């Protein structure tokens, strides 16, 4: 079991299974009802954070690589570029169950609430 502070996770690199950079963790979304971290918000693309696209990734879709001090997400850069994301000024309604279900289906993870 690993326990990390939220501030430690913020800014941590996210890589694909072949080691290609997919972005970094910008924020964590906490379900206050369950007390669980539901999603990591991954920032991808842009220059110095400007123009980057954000993605909500179920926490269980990220695998820690302690040796590399990064997280691995089982997807490709191309798949992420074409995935539904959001920008800094237009965050989705993280409490919307239909939106949550679609995110979990995309990353092939079981919903954290069930």
N, C-alpha and C. Protein backbone atom coordinates (compact mmCIF):
# COMPACT_ATOMS: atom_id res chain seq x y z
N UNK A 1 0.85 -1.17 0.00
CA UNK A 1 0.00 0.00 0.00
C UNK A 1 0.90 1.24 0.00
N UNK A 2 0.54 2.20 -0.81
CA UNK A 2 1.27 3.47 -0.85
C UNK A 2 0.33 4.59 -0.45
N UNK A 3 0.83 5.46 0.37
CA UNK A 3 0.07 6.65 0.74
C UNK A 3 0.92 7.85 0.38
N UNK A 4 0.36 8.73 -0.44
CA UNK A 4 1.05 9.93 -0.89
C UNK A 4 0.21 11.15 -0.57
N UNK A 5 0.85 12.26 -0.33
CA UNK A 5 0.11 13.50 -0.15
C UNK A 5 -0.36 13.99 -1.52
N UNK A 6 -1.44 14.73 -1.52
CA UNK A 6 -1.96 15.28 -2.78
C UNK A 6 -0.91 16.18 -3.42
N UNK A 7 -0.21 16.96 -2.61
CA UNK A 7 0.80 17.87 -3.16
C UNK A 7 1.97 17.10 -3.78
N UNK A 8 2.26 15.91 -3.28
CA UNK A 8 3.30 15.08 -3.88
C UNK A 8 2.87 14.59 -5.26
N UNK A 9 1.59 14.25 -5.39
CA UNK A 9 1.10 13.73 -6.67
C UNK A 9 0.98 14.83 -7.72
N UNK A 10 0.65 16.04 -7.30
CA UNK A 10 0.52 17.13 -8.27
C UNK A 10 1.86 17.39 -8.95
N UNK A 11 1.83 17.45 -10.26
CA UNK A 11 3.03 17.66 -11.04
C UNK A 11 3.77 16.39 -11.41
N UNK A 12 3.33 15.24 -10.89
CA UNK A 12 3.99 13.98 -11.20
C UNK A 12 3.70 13.59 -12.65
N UNK A 13 4.70 13.09 -13.33
CA UNK A 13 4.57 12.68 -14.73
C UNK A 13 3.66 11.47 -14.87
N UNK A 14 2.91 11.48 -15.97
CA UNK A 14 2.09 10.34 -16.37
C UNK A 14 2.64 9.87 -17.71
N UNK A 15 2.95 8.58 -17.79
CA UNK A 15 3.54 8.02 -19.00
C UNK A 15 2.68 6.88 -19.52
N UNK A 16 2.84 6.61 -20.81
CA UNK A 16 2.18 5.46 -21.41
C UNK A 16 2.98 4.21 -21.11
N UNK A 17 2.47 3.04 -21.48
CA UNK A 17 3.15 1.78 -21.18
C UNK A 17 4.53 1.65 -21.84
N UNK A 18 4.77 2.40 -22.91
CA UNK A 18 6.08 2.35 -23.56
C UNK A 18 7.01 3.46 -23.08
N UNK A 19 6.56 4.24 -22.10
CA UNK A 19 7.40 5.28 -21.53
C UNK A 19 7.21 6.66 -22.12
N UNK A 20 6.33 6.79 -23.12
CA UNK A 20 6.11 8.10 -23.72
C UNK A 20 5.32 9.00 -22.75
N UNK A 21 5.69 10.27 -22.71
CA UNK A 21 5.06 11.21 -21.79
C UNK A 21 3.63 11.51 -22.24
N UNK A 22 2.69 11.39 -21.29
CA UNK A 22 1.29 11.71 -21.57
C UNK A 22 0.86 12.99 -20.86
N UNK A 23 1.70 13.53 -20.02
CA UNK A 23 1.36 14.75 -19.30
C UNK A 23 1.74 14.64 -17.84
N UNK A 24 1.05 15.43 -17.02
CA UNK A 24 1.32 15.36 -15.59
C UNK A 24 0.03 15.59 -14.80
N UNK A 25 0.07 15.19 -13.56
CA UNK A 25 -1.12 15.32 -12.71
C UNK A 25 -1.24 16.77 -12.26
N UNK A 26 -2.36 17.37 -12.60
CA UNK A 26 -2.61 18.76 -12.26
C UNK A 26 -3.37 18.88 -10.94
N UNK A 27 -4.31 17.96 -10.71
CA UNK A 27 -5.15 18.06 -9.53
C UNK A 27 -5.74 16.70 -9.21
N UNK A 28 -6.35 16.59 -8.05
CA UNK A 28 -7.06 15.38 -7.65
C UNK A 28 -8.47 15.77 -7.28
N UNK A 29 -9.43 14.94 -7.68
CA UNK A 29 -10.84 15.19 -7.37
C UNK A 29 -11.27 14.19 -6.30
N UNK A 30 -11.77 14.71 -5.20
CA UNK A 30 -12.15 13.88 -4.05
C UNK A 30 -13.66 13.82 -3.93
N UNK A 31 -14.19 12.62 -3.80
CA UNK A 31 -15.61 12.43 -3.55
C UNK A 31 -15.81 12.61 -2.05
N UNK A 32 -16.42 13.71 -1.65
CA UNK A 32 -16.57 14.00 -0.23
C UNK A 32 -17.55 13.07 0.47
N UNK A 33 -18.43 12.43 -0.30
CA UNK A 33 -19.37 11.47 0.29
C UNK A 33 -18.65 10.21 0.75
N UNK A 34 -17.73 9.72 -0.07
CA UNK A 34 -17.02 8.48 0.25
C UNK A 34 -15.65 8.72 0.86
N UNK A 35 -15.12 9.93 0.69
CA UNK A 35 -13.78 10.23 1.18
C UNK A 35 -12.68 9.66 0.31
N UNK A 36 -13.02 9.24 -0.90
CA UNK A 36 -12.04 8.64 -1.80
C UNK A 36 -11.59 9.62 -2.87
N UNK A 37 -10.34 9.47 -3.29
CA UNK A 37 -9.88 10.22 -4.46
C UNK A 37 -10.49 9.51 -5.66
N UNK A 38 -11.33 10.22 -6.38
CA UNK A 38 -12.04 9.62 -7.50
C UNK A 38 -11.26 9.71 -8.81
N UNK A 39 -10.69 10.88 -9.07
CA UNK A 39 -10.03 11.11 -10.35
C UNK A 39 -8.76 11.92 -10.17
N UNK A 40 -7.79 11.64 -11.02
CA UNK A 40 -6.64 12.52 -11.18
C UNK A 40 -6.92 13.34 -12.43
N UNK A 41 -6.69 14.61 -12.36
CA UNK A 41 -6.83 15.47 -13.54
C UNK A 41 -5.45 15.55 -14.17
N UNK A 42 -5.35 15.02 -15.39
CA UNK A 42 -4.08 14.96 -16.11
C UNK A 42 -4.06 16.05 -17.16
N UNK A 43 -3.00 16.83 -17.16
CA UNK A 43 -2.80 17.90 -18.13
C UNK A 43 -1.90 17.38 -19.24
N UNK A 44 -2.35 17.57 -20.49
CA UNK A 44 -1.63 17.04 -21.65
C UNK A 44 -1.49 18.12 -22.70
N UNK A 45 -0.31 18.24 -23.29
CA UNK A 45 -0.10 19.15 -24.40
C UNK A 45 0.10 20.58 -23.95
N UNK A 46 0.05 21.48 -24.91
CA UNK A 46 0.25 22.89 -24.61
C UNK A 46 1.72 23.19 -24.36
N UNK A 47 1.99 24.45 -24.10
CA UNK A 47 3.35 24.90 -23.83
C UNK A 47 3.35 25.57 -22.48
N UNK A 48 4.09 25.01 -21.54
CA UNK A 48 4.15 25.52 -20.17
C UNK A 48 2.77 25.63 -19.55
N UNK A 49 1.92 24.66 -19.86
CA UNK A 49 0.57 24.64 -19.29
C UNK A 49 -0.44 25.48 -20.04
N UNK A 50 0.02 26.28 -21.02
CA UNK A 50 -0.90 27.12 -21.79
C UNK A 50 -1.40 26.33 -22.98
N UNK A 51 -2.71 26.28 -23.13
CA UNK A 51 -3.31 25.55 -24.24
C UNK A 51 -3.37 24.06 -24.02
N UNK A 52 -3.11 23.62 -22.81
CA UNK A 52 -3.16 22.19 -22.55
C UNK A 52 -4.59 21.71 -22.40
N UNK A 53 -4.78 20.45 -22.66
CA UNK A 53 -6.08 19.80 -22.52
C UNK A 53 -6.05 19.00 -21.23
N UNK A 54 -7.16 18.99 -20.51
CA UNK A 54 -7.24 18.27 -19.25
C UNK A 54 -8.11 17.04 -19.41
N UNK A 55 -7.77 16.00 -18.65
CA UNK A 55 -8.51 14.74 -18.68
C UNK A 55 -8.74 14.26 -17.27
N UNK A 56 -9.94 13.80 -16.99
CA UNK A 56 -10.23 13.15 -15.71
C UNK A 56 -9.92 11.67 -15.90
N UNK A 57 -8.99 11.17 -15.12
CA UNK A 57 -8.58 9.77 -15.21
C UNK A 57 -8.92 9.09 -13.89
N UNK A 58 -9.69 8.01 -13.93
CA UNK A 58 -9.97 7.29 -12.68
C UNK A 58 -8.66 6.92 -11.99
N UNK A 59 -8.60 7.15 -10.71
CA UNK A 59 -7.35 6.90 -9.99
C UNK A 59 -6.86 5.47 -10.18
N UNK A 60 -7.79 4.51 -10.22
CA UNK A 60 -7.36 3.11 -10.35
C UNK A 60 -6.80 2.79 -11.74
N UNK A 61 -6.94 3.71 -12.71
CA UNK A 61 -6.34 3.51 -14.03
C UNK A 61 -4.86 3.85 -14.04
N UNK A 62 -4.40 4.54 -13.00
CA UNK A 62 -2.99 4.93 -12.90
C UNK A 62 -2.23 3.92 -12.05
N UNK A 63 -1.13 3.45 -12.57
CA UNK A 63 -0.27 2.51 -11.83
C UNK A 63 1.01 3.24 -11.46
N UNK A 64 1.37 3.18 -10.19
CA UNK A 64 2.56 3.88 -9.73
C UNK A 64 3.83 3.17 -10.19
N UNK A 65 4.77 3.94 -10.71
CA UNK A 65 6.11 3.45 -11.02
C UNK A 65 7.04 4.13 -10.03
N UNK A 66 7.23 3.50 -8.87
CA UNK A 66 8.00 4.11 -7.78
C UNK A 66 9.44 4.37 -8.19
N UNK A 67 10.02 3.48 -8.99
CA UNK A 67 11.42 3.64 -9.40
C UNK A 67 11.60 4.90 -10.25
N UNK A 68 10.62 5.19 -11.10
CA UNK A 68 10.69 6.33 -12.00
C UNK A 68 10.00 7.56 -11.42
N UNK A 69 9.35 7.40 -10.27
CA UNK A 69 8.59 8.48 -9.64
C UNK A 69 7.58 9.08 -10.61
N UNK A 70 6.82 8.18 -11.24
CA UNK A 70 5.80 8.59 -12.20
C UNK A 70 4.62 7.64 -12.08
N UNK A 71 3.61 7.89 -12.90
CA UNK A 71 2.47 7.00 -12.99
C UNK A 71 2.34 6.54 -14.43
N UNK A 72 1.85 5.32 -14.61
CA UNK A 72 1.67 4.76 -15.95
C UNK A 72 0.18 4.62 -16.21
N UNK A 73 -0.24 5.09 -17.38
CA UNK A 73 -1.62 4.99 -17.83
C UNK A 73 -1.62 4.15 -19.10
N UNK A 74 -2.44 3.12 -19.13
CA UNK A 74 -2.45 2.18 -20.25
C UNK A 74 -3.22 2.78 -21.43
N UNK A 75 -2.59 3.75 -22.08
CA UNK A 75 -3.15 4.36 -23.29
C UNK A 75 -1.99 4.95 -24.08
N UNK A 76 -2.27 5.35 -25.30
CA UNK A 76 -1.24 5.96 -26.14
C UNK A 76 -1.45 7.46 -26.21
N UNK A 77 -0.41 8.15 -26.62
CA UNK A 77 -0.49 9.60 -26.79
C UNK A 77 -1.58 9.94 -27.81
N UNK A 78 -1.65 9.16 -28.89
CA UNK A 78 -2.64 9.42 -29.93
C UNK A 78 -4.06 9.23 -29.41
N UNK A 79 -4.28 8.18 -28.62
CA UNK A 79 -5.61 7.94 -28.06
C UNK A 79 -6.00 9.06 -27.11
N UNK A 80 -5.04 9.56 -26.35
CA UNK A 80 -5.32 10.65 -25.42
C UNK A 80 -5.62 11.94 -26.18
N UNK A 81 -4.88 12.19 -27.25
CA UNK A 81 -5.13 13.39 -28.06
C UNK A 81 -6.55 13.41 -28.60
N UNK A 82 -7.09 12.23 -28.89
CA UNK A 82 -8.43 12.13 -29.47
C UNK A 82 -9.53 11.88 -28.45
N UNK A 83 -9.16 11.74 -27.18
CA UNK A 83 -10.15 11.49 -26.13
C UNK A 83 -10.88 12.77 -25.77
N UNK A 84 -12.05 12.60 -25.15
CA UNK A 84 -12.82 13.75 -24.70
C UNK A 84 -12.17 14.31 -23.44
N UNK A 85 -11.75 15.55 -23.52
CA UNK A 85 -11.16 16.21 -22.38
C UNK A 85 -11.88 17.53 -22.12
N UNK A 86 -11.24 18.38 -21.38
CA UNK A 86 -11.84 19.69 -21.10
C UNK A 86 -10.71 20.69 -20.91
N UNK A 87 -11.06 21.98 -20.92
CA UNK A 87 -10.03 22.98 -20.73
C UNK A 87 -10.17 23.63 -19.37
N UNK A 88 -9.20 24.41 -19.03
CA UNK A 88 -9.10 25.03 -17.71
C UNK A 88 -10.35 25.83 -17.33
N UNK A 89 -11.00 26.42 -18.32
CA UNK A 89 -12.16 27.28 -18.05
C UNK A 89 -13.50 26.56 -18.12
N UNK A 90 -13.52 25.29 -18.47
CA UNK A 90 -14.78 24.55 -18.65
C UNK A 90 -14.68 23.15 -18.08
N UNK A 91 -14.68 23.05 -16.76
CA UNK A 91 -14.58 21.75 -16.11
C UNK A 91 -15.94 21.05 -16.15
N UNK A 92 -15.95 19.74 -16.28
CA UNK A 92 -17.22 19.00 -16.29
C UNK A 92 -17.83 18.93 -14.89
N UNK A 93 -19.06 18.48 -14.83
CA UNK A 93 -19.72 18.25 -13.55
C UNK A 93 -19.28 16.88 -13.05
N UNK A 94 -18.31 16.86 -12.17
CA UNK A 94 -17.75 15.60 -11.68
C UNK A 94 -18.76 14.78 -10.88
N UNK A 95 -19.86 15.38 -10.45
CA UNK A 95 -20.88 14.66 -9.68
C UNK A 95 -21.92 13.99 -10.58
N UNK A 96 -21.87 14.24 -11.88
CA UNK A 96 -22.83 13.67 -12.83
C UNK A 96 -22.49 12.19 -13.07
N UNK A 97 -23.37 11.29 -12.61
CA UNK A 97 -23.10 9.84 -12.71
C UNK A 97 -22.97 9.38 -14.16
N UNK A 98 -23.73 9.95 -15.09
CA UNK A 98 -23.61 9.51 -16.48
C UNK A 98 -22.24 9.92 -17.04
N UNK A 99 -21.76 11.09 -16.66
CA UNK A 99 -20.42 11.51 -17.08
C UNK A 99 -19.37 10.59 -16.45
N UNK A 100 -19.52 10.31 -15.15
CA UNK A 100 -18.58 9.42 -14.46
C UNK A 100 -18.54 8.04 -15.11
N UNK A 101 -19.71 7.52 -15.43
CA UNK A 101 -19.80 6.19 -16.04
C UNK A 101 -19.07 6.18 -17.38
N UNK A 102 -19.25 7.23 -18.19
CA UNK A 102 -18.57 7.31 -19.48
C UNK A 102 -17.05 7.35 -19.31
N UNK A 103 -16.57 8.06 -18.30
CA UNK A 103 -15.13 8.13 -18.05
C UNK A 103 -14.60 6.75 -17.68
N UNK A 104 -15.30 6.05 -16.79
CA UNK A 104 -14.85 4.72 -16.38
C UNK A 104 -14.90 3.73 -17.54
N UNK A 105 -15.91 3.85 -18.39
CA UNK A 105 -15.98 2.97 -19.57
C UNK A 105 -14.81 3.25 -20.50
N UNK A 106 -14.47 4.52 -20.70
CA UNK A 106 -13.37 4.87 -21.59
C UNK A 106 -12.05 4.26 -21.11
N UNK A 107 -11.80 4.32 -19.82
CA UNK A 107 -10.54 3.79 -19.27
C UNK A 107 -10.64 2.34 -18.82
N UNK A 108 -11.81 1.73 -19.05
CA UNK A 108 -12.04 0.31 -18.74
C UNK A 108 -11.75 0.00 -17.27
N UNK A 109 -12.31 0.84 -16.40
CA UNK A 109 -12.17 0.65 -14.96
C UNK A 109 -13.54 0.53 -14.33
N UNK A 110 -13.62 -0.18 -13.24
CA UNK A 110 -14.88 -0.29 -12.50
C UNK A 110 -15.12 1.03 -11.78
N UNK A 111 -16.35 1.50 -11.76
CA UNK A 111 -16.64 2.74 -11.03
C UNK A 111 -16.24 2.60 -9.56
N UNK A 112 -15.63 3.63 -9.04
CA UNK A 112 -15.15 3.58 -7.65
C UNK A 112 -16.28 3.50 -6.64
N UNK A 113 -17.49 3.91 -7.02
CA UNK A 113 -18.61 3.95 -6.08
C UNK A 113 -19.35 2.62 -6.00
N UNK A 114 -19.03 1.67 -6.86
CA UNK A 114 -19.80 0.45 -6.87
C UNK A 114 -18.97 -0.74 -6.75
